[in-house]
């Protein structure tokens, strides 16, 4: 049985890496927001919203027209 990565074009592999990195960033921002002290809450919220917007725009960009209906 061959390596599964060999079945996918390189743009899919790089997209996977970008998605993994973005999910990790979103996870860190979510954790920071939920664990923020009251004096850091607003900064953590702004960072979380920034990453969430980035994630949503990336997801919309990657999804095809059939998935957006």
N, C-alpha and C. Protein backbone atom coordinates (compact mmCIF):
# COMPACT_ATOMS: atom_id res chain seq x y z
N UNK A 1 0.84 -1.18 0.00
CA UNK A 1 0.00 0.00 0.00
C UNK A 1 0.89 1.24 0.00
N UNK A 2 0.63 2.16 -0.92
CA UNK A 2 1.46 3.35 -1.04
C UNK A 2 1.12 4.42 -0.03
N UNK A 3 1.93 5.43 -0.01
CA UNK A 3 1.71 6.57 0.87
C UNK A 3 0.51 7.36 0.37
N UNK A 4 -0.42 7.66 1.25
CA UNK A 4 -1.63 8.39 0.85
C UNK A 4 -1.34 9.78 0.30
N UNK A 5 -0.31 10.43 0.81
CA UNK A 5 0.03 11.77 0.34
C UNK A 5 0.39 11.78 -1.15
N UNK A 6 0.86 10.66 -1.65
CA UNK A 6 1.22 10.59 -3.06
C UNK A 6 -0.01 10.65 -3.96
N UNK A 7 -1.17 10.41 -3.43
CA UNK A 7 -2.40 10.42 -4.21
C UNK A 7 -2.92 11.83 -4.45
N UNK A 8 -2.48 12.78 -3.69
CA UNK A 8 -2.99 14.14 -3.78
C UNK A 8 -2.00 15.06 -4.48
N UNK A 9 -2.52 16.02 -5.26
CA UNK A 9 -1.65 17.02 -5.87
C UNK A 9 -1.00 17.89 -4.79
N UNK A 10 0.07 18.55 -5.14
CA UNK A 10 0.82 19.35 -4.16
C UNK A 10 -0.02 20.49 -3.59
N UNK A 11 -0.95 21.06 -4.37
CA UNK A 11 -1.74 22.16 -3.83
C UNK A 11 -2.65 21.68 -2.70
N UNK A 12 -3.07 20.43 -2.73
CA UNK A 12 -3.88 19.88 -1.65
C UNK A 12 -3.02 19.70 -0.41
N UNK A 13 -1.80 19.22 -0.58
CA UNK A 13 -0.91 19.05 0.56
C UNK A 13 -0.60 20.38 1.21
N UNK A 14 -0.32 21.42 0.43
CA UNK A 14 -0.01 22.72 1.01
C UNK A 14 -1.25 23.32 1.65
N UNK A 15 -2.41 23.09 1.08
CA UNK A 15 -3.66 23.56 1.66
C UNK A 15 -3.89 22.90 3.00
N UNK A 16 -3.59 21.59 3.08
CA UNK A 16 -3.73 20.85 4.33
C UNK A 16 -2.85 21.46 5.41
N UNK A 17 -1.63 21.80 5.06
CA UNK A 17 -0.71 22.40 6.01
C UNK A 17 -1.22 23.76 6.49
N UNK A 18 -1.72 24.55 5.57
CA UNK A 18 -2.27 25.86 5.92
C UNK A 18 -3.46 25.69 6.85
N UNK A 19 -4.34 24.75 6.54
CA UNK A 19 -5.51 24.49 7.37
C UNK A 19 -5.10 24.04 8.77
N UNK A 20 -4.12 23.17 8.85
CA UNK A 20 -3.65 22.69 10.15
C UNK A 20 -3.09 23.85 10.96
N UNK A 21 -2.30 24.69 10.34
CA UNK A 21 -1.73 25.84 11.03
C UNK A 21 -2.82 26.80 11.49
N UNK A 22 -3.81 27.03 10.64
CA UNK A 22 -4.89 27.95 10.98
C UNK A 22 -5.75 27.39 12.11
N UNK A 23 -6.02 26.10 12.08
CA UNK A 23 -6.78 25.48 13.18
C UNK A 23 -6.01 25.56 14.49
N UNK A 24 -4.71 25.37 14.43
CA UNK A 24 -3.88 25.49 15.64
C UNK A 24 -3.93 26.93 16.17
N UNK A 25 -3.85 27.90 15.27
CA UNK A 25 -3.92 29.31 15.67
C UNK A 25 -5.28 29.62 16.31
N UNK A 26 -6.34 29.10 15.72
CA UNK A 26 -7.68 29.31 16.26
C UNK A 26 -7.80 28.65 17.63
N UNK A 27 -7.24 27.47 17.78
CA UNK A 27 -7.26 26.79 19.07
C UNK A 27 -6.52 27.58 20.15
N UNK A 28 -5.36 28.12 19.80
CA UNK A 28 -4.60 28.92 20.77
C UNK A 28 -5.36 30.18 21.16
N UNK A 29 -5.97 30.84 20.17
CA UNK A 29 -6.72 32.07 20.44
C UNK A 29 -7.94 31.78 21.30
N UNK A 30 -8.60 30.66 21.04
CA UNK A 30 -9.77 30.28 21.83
C UNK A 30 -9.37 30.01 23.28
N UNK A 31 -8.30 29.26 23.46
CA UNK A 31 -7.82 28.96 24.80
C UNK A 31 -7.42 30.24 25.52
N UNK A 32 -6.69 31.11 24.85
CA UNK A 32 -6.26 32.37 25.47
C UNK A 32 -7.46 33.21 25.89
N UNK A 33 -8.49 33.23 25.05
CA UNK A 33 -9.70 34.00 25.37
C UNK A 33 -10.39 33.44 26.61
N UNK A 34 -10.54 32.13 26.65
CA UNK A 34 -11.25 31.51 27.78
C UNK A 34 -10.45 31.55 29.07
N UNK A 35 -9.14 31.65 28.97
CA UNK A 35 -8.30 31.66 30.17
C UNK A 35 -7.81 33.06 30.53
N UNK A 36 -8.23 34.06 29.80
CA UNK A 36 -7.74 35.42 30.02
C UNK A 36 -8.21 35.97 31.36
N UNK A 37 -7.31 36.71 31.97
CA UNK A 37 -7.67 37.43 33.19
C UNK A 37 -8.50 38.65 32.80
N UNK A 38 -9.26 39.20 33.72
CA UNK A 38 -10.12 40.34 33.37
C UNK A 38 -9.38 41.50 32.69
N UNK A 39 -8.14 41.75 33.09
CA UNK A 39 -7.40 42.85 32.49
C UNK A 39 -6.90 42.54 31.08
N UNK A 40 -6.90 41.28 30.67
CA UNK A 40 -6.45 40.88 29.33
C UNK A 40 -7.59 40.38 28.45
N UNK A 41 -8.80 40.39 28.98
CA UNK A 41 -9.94 39.81 28.28
C UNK A 41 -10.22 40.50 26.94
N UNK A 42 -10.19 41.81 26.92
CA UNK A 42 -10.49 42.54 25.68
C UNK A 42 -9.45 42.26 24.59
N UNK A 43 -8.19 42.21 24.95
CA UNK A 43 -7.13 41.91 23.98
C UNK A 43 -7.29 40.48 23.46
N UNK A 44 -7.58 39.55 24.36
CA UNK A 44 -7.77 38.16 23.96
C UNK A 44 -9.00 38.01 23.06
N UNK A 45 -10.07 38.74 23.36
CA UNK A 45 -11.27 38.70 22.54
C UNK A 45 -10.99 39.22 21.15
N UNK A 46 -10.27 40.32 21.04
CA UNK A 46 -9.93 40.89 19.74
C UNK A 46 -9.08 39.92 18.92
N UNK A 47 -8.12 39.26 19.56
CA UNK A 47 -7.28 38.28 18.86
C UNK A 47 -8.11 37.09 18.40
N UNK A 48 -9.00 36.62 19.27
CA UNK A 48 -9.86 35.50 18.90
C UNK A 48 -10.73 35.87 17.70
N UNK A 49 -11.33 37.04 17.72
CA UNK A 49 -12.18 37.47 16.61
C UNK A 49 -11.38 37.63 15.31
N UNK A 50 -10.15 38.12 15.42
CA UNK A 50 -9.30 38.27 14.24
C UNK A 50 -9.02 36.91 13.60
N UNK A 51 -8.66 35.94 14.43
CA UNK A 51 -8.36 34.61 13.92
C UNK A 51 -9.63 33.93 13.40
N UNK A 52 -10.75 34.13 14.07
CA UNK A 52 -12.00 33.53 13.63
C UNK A 52 -12.41 34.07 12.26
N UNK A 53 -12.27 35.35 12.05
CA UNK A 53 -12.57 35.95 10.74
C UNK A 53 -11.63 35.37 9.68
N UNK A 54 -10.36 35.26 10.02
CA UNK A 54 -9.38 34.66 9.10
C UNK A 54 -9.78 33.23 8.76
N UNK A 55 -10.19 32.47 9.77
CA UNK A 55 -10.59 31.08 9.56
C UNK A 55 -11.84 31.01 8.67
N UNK A 56 -12.83 31.84 8.97
CA UNK A 56 -14.07 31.82 8.19
C UNK A 56 -13.82 32.23 6.75
N UNK A 57 -12.97 33.23 6.53
CA UNK A 57 -12.70 33.65 5.16
C UNK A 57 -11.92 32.58 4.41
N UNK A 58 -11.05 31.88 5.09
CA UNK A 58 -10.30 30.79 4.47
C UNK A 58 -11.23 29.64 4.12
N UNK A 59 -12.15 29.31 5.03
CA UNK A 59 -13.09 28.22 4.78
C UNK A 59 -13.99 28.57 3.60
N UNK A 60 -14.49 29.77 3.54
CA UNK A 60 -15.34 30.21 2.43
C UNK A 60 -14.58 30.16 1.13
N UNK A 61 -13.31 30.54 1.16
CA UNK A 61 -12.45 30.52 -0.03
C UNK A 61 -12.24 29.09 -0.52
N UNK A 62 -12.07 28.14 0.41
CA UNK A 62 -11.79 26.76 0.04
C UNK A 62 -13.04 25.99 -0.38
N UNK A 63 -14.17 26.34 0.19
CA UNK A 63 -15.37 25.59 -0.16
C UNK A 63 -15.85 25.98 -1.54
N UNK A 64 -16.36 25.03 -2.23
CA UNK A 64 -16.85 25.26 -3.59
C UNK A 64 -18.24 25.87 -3.58
N UNK A 65 -18.75 26.24 -4.75
CA UNK A 65 -20.07 26.85 -4.83
C UNK A 65 -21.18 25.92 -4.34
N UNK A 66 -21.01 24.61 -4.50
CA UNK A 66 -22.03 23.66 -4.05
C UNK A 66 -22.15 23.66 -2.52
N UNK A 67 -21.06 23.90 -1.82
CA UNK A 67 -21.06 23.85 -0.36
C UNK A 67 -21.59 25.13 0.25
N UNK A 68 -21.65 26.20 -0.49
CA UNK A 68 -22.06 27.49 0.04
C UNK A 68 -23.57 27.71 -0.02
N UNK A 69 -24.32 26.81 -0.61
CA UNK A 69 -25.76 26.99 -0.76
C UNK A 69 -26.49 26.82 0.52
